[in-house]
Amino acid sequence: MRSSLVWRGVLALVTGVIAVIWPEITVGAFVLLFAIFSIGSGVLEGWHLVMC
């Protein structure tokens, strides 16, 4: 569980840095990034549920 929190924090930091450095990025790119994050998080949570 601790490693998933670390990955979520890293992803949040990277997203924030990209938004500040590259403001021309479209909302669609952030939506895609969030979708990938959500799917990955759901798969990992499901896997942890099955394994525990």
N, C-alpha and C. Protein backbone atom coordinates (compact mmCIF):
# COMPACT_ATOMS: atom_id res chain seq x y z
N MET A 1 0.83 -1.19 0.00
CA MET A 1 0.00 0.00 0.00
C MET A 1 0.87 1.25 0.00
N ARG A 2 1.96 1.20 0.70
CA ARG A 2 2.80 2.38 0.79
C ARG A 2 3.37 2.76 -0.58
N SER A 3 3.75 1.77 -1.36
CA SER A 3 4.31 2.07 -2.68
C SER A 3 3.26 2.71 -3.59
N SER A 4 2.00 2.31 -3.45
CA SER A 4 0.97 2.92 -4.29
C SER A 4 0.78 4.40 -3.93
N LEU A 5 0.93 4.73 -2.66
CA LEU A 5 0.85 6.13 -2.25
C LEU A 5 2.01 6.94 -2.82
N VAL A 6 3.18 6.32 -2.86
CA VAL A 6 4.35 6.99 -3.43
C VAL A 6 4.11 7.26 -4.91
N TRP A 7 3.60 6.25 -5.65
CA TRP A 7 3.35 6.43 -7.07
C TRP A 7 2.29 7.49 -7.33
N ARG A 8 1.26 7.54 -6.49
CA ARG A 8 0.23 8.57 -6.65
C ARG A 8 0.81 9.97 -6.42
N GLY A 9 1.68 10.08 -5.43
CA GLY A 9 2.33 11.37 -5.17
C GLY A 9 3.24 11.79 -6.30
N VAL A 10 3.99 10.85 -6.83
CA VAL A 10 4.89 11.15 -7.96
C VAL A 10 4.08 11.58 -9.18
N LEU A 11 2.98 10.88 -9.45
CA LEU A 11 2.14 11.25 -10.59
C LEU A 11 1.54 12.64 -10.40
N ALA A 12 1.13 12.96 -9.19
CA ALA A 12 0.58 14.29 -8.91
C ALA A 12 1.63 15.37 -9.12
N LEU A 13 2.84 15.12 -8.66
CA LEU A 13 3.92 16.10 -8.84
C LEU A 13 4.25 16.30 -10.31
N VAL A 14 4.34 15.21 -11.06
CA VAL A 14 4.66 15.30 -12.48
C VAL A 14 3.56 16.07 -13.22
N THR A 15 2.31 15.78 -12.89
CA THR A 15 1.20 16.49 -13.52
C THR A 15 1.26 17.98 -13.22
N GLY A 16 1.54 18.33 -11.99
CA GLY A 16 1.65 19.74 -11.62
C GLY A 16 2.79 20.45 -12.33
N VAL A 17 3.93 19.79 -12.41
CA VAL A 17 5.09 20.38 -13.09
C VAL A 17 4.80 20.58 -14.57
N ILE A 18 4.17 19.59 -15.19
CA ILE A 18 3.83 19.72 -16.62
C ILE A 18 2.87 20.89 -16.83
N ALA A 19 1.90 21.04 -15.94
CA ALA A 19 0.93 22.13 -16.08
C ALA A 19 1.60 23.49 -15.96
N VAL A 20 2.62 23.60 -15.12
CA VAL A 20 3.30 24.88 -14.93
C VAL A 20 4.28 25.16 -16.07
N ILE A 21 5.04 24.15 -16.46
CA ILE A 21 6.08 24.34 -17.48
C ILE A 21 5.48 24.43 -18.88
N TRP A 22 4.44 23.65 -19.14
CA TRP A 22 3.89 23.56 -20.48
C TRP A 22 2.41 23.92 -20.45
N PRO A 23 2.06 25.20 -20.29
CA PRO A 23 0.66 25.60 -20.13
C PRO A 23 -0.19 25.43 -21.39
N GLU A 24 0.43 25.24 -22.54
CA GLU A 24 -0.34 25.08 -23.77
C GLU A 24 -0.95 23.69 -23.89
N ILE A 25 -0.61 22.79 -22.97
CA ILE A 25 -1.12 21.43 -23.05
C ILE A 25 -2.65 21.46 -22.92
N THR A 26 -3.30 20.63 -23.67
CA THR A 26 -4.76 20.65 -23.68
C THR A 26 -5.34 19.89 -22.51
N VAL A 27 -6.59 20.17 -22.23
CA VAL A 27 -7.29 19.47 -21.16
C VAL A 27 -7.41 17.98 -21.50
N GLY A 28 -7.50 17.67 -22.77
CA GLY A 28 -7.60 16.28 -23.20
C GLY A 28 -6.43 15.43 -22.74
N ALA A 29 -5.24 16.01 -22.74
CA ALA A 29 -4.06 15.28 -22.30
C ALA A 29 -4.16 14.97 -20.80
N PHE A 30 -4.67 15.91 -20.02
CA PHE A 30 -4.84 15.65 -18.60
C PHE A 30 -5.94 14.63 -18.34
N VAL A 31 -6.98 14.67 -19.14
CA VAL A 31 -8.05 13.68 -19.01
C VAL A 31 -7.51 12.29 -19.32
N LEU A 32 -6.71 12.18 -20.36
CA LEU A 32 -6.10 10.90 -20.71
C LEU A 32 -5.18 10.40 -19.60
N LEU A 33 -4.37 11.29 -19.06
CA LEU A 33 -3.47 10.92 -17.96
C LEU A 33 -4.25 10.45 -16.75
N PHE A 34 -5.34 11.15 -16.42
CA PHE A 34 -6.17 10.75 -15.28
C PHE A 34 -6.85 9.41 -15.53
N ALA A 35 -7.28 9.18 -16.78
CA ALA A 35 -7.92 7.90 -17.11
C ALA A 35 -6.94 6.74 -16.95
N ILE A 36 -5.72 6.92 -17.42
CA ILE A 36 -4.70 5.88 -17.27
C ILE A 36 -4.42 5.62 -15.79
N PHE A 37 -4.32 6.68 -15.02
CA PHE A 37 -4.09 6.56 -13.59
C PHE A 37 -5.25 5.83 -12.91
N SER A 38 -6.47 6.17 -13.26
CA SER A 38 -7.64 5.56 -12.64
C SER A 38 -7.74 4.07 -12.97
N ILE A 39 -7.51 3.73 -14.20
CA ILE A 39 -7.56 2.32 -14.60
C ILE A 39 -6.46 1.53 -13.89
N GLY A 40 -5.27 2.07 -13.86
CA GLY A 40 -4.17 1.40 -13.17
C GLY A 40 -4.43 1.24 -11.68
N SER A 41 -4.96 2.27 -11.08
CA SER A 41 -5.27 2.21 -9.66
C SER A 41 -6.36 1.16 -9.39
N GLY A 42 -7.36 1.11 -10.22
CA GLY A 42 -8.42 0.12 -10.06
C GLY A 42 -7.92 -1.30 -10.21
N VAL A 43 -7.06 -1.51 -11.18
CA VAL A 43 -6.49 -2.85 -11.39
C VAL A 43 -5.64 -3.25 -10.18
N LEU A 44 -4.82 -2.35 -9.70
CA LEU A 44 -3.98 -2.68 -8.54
C LEU A 44 -4.80 -2.93 -7.28
N GLU A 45 -5.84 -2.13 -7.06
CA GLU A 45 -6.69 -2.34 -5.89
C GLU A 45 -7.42 -3.68 -6.00
N GLY A 46 -7.90 -4.01 -7.18
CA GLY A 46 -8.56 -5.31 -7.39
C GLY A 46 -7.60 -6.46 -7.16
N TRP A 47 -6.39 -6.32 -7.64
CA TRP A 47 -5.38 -7.36 -7.44
C TRP A 47 -5.07 -7.54 -5.96
N HIS A 48 -4.94 -6.45 -5.23
CA HIS A 48 -4.68 -6.52 -3.79
C HIS A 48 -5.85 -7.18 -3.06
N LEU A 49 -7.07 -6.90 -3.51
CA LEU A 49 -8.25 -7.49 -2.91
C LEU A 49 -8.25 -9.00 -3.09
N VAL A 50 -7.90 -9.47 -4.28
CA VAL A 50 -7.89 -10.90 -4.57
C VAL A 50 -6.75 -11.59 -3.82
N MET A 51 -5.61 -10.95 -3.74
CA MET A 51 -4.43 -11.58 -3.14
C MET A 51 -4.46 -11.60 -1.62
N CYS A 52 -5.22 -10.74 -0.99
CA CYS A 52 -5.23 -10.68 0.48
C CYS A 52 -6.34 -11.45 1.10
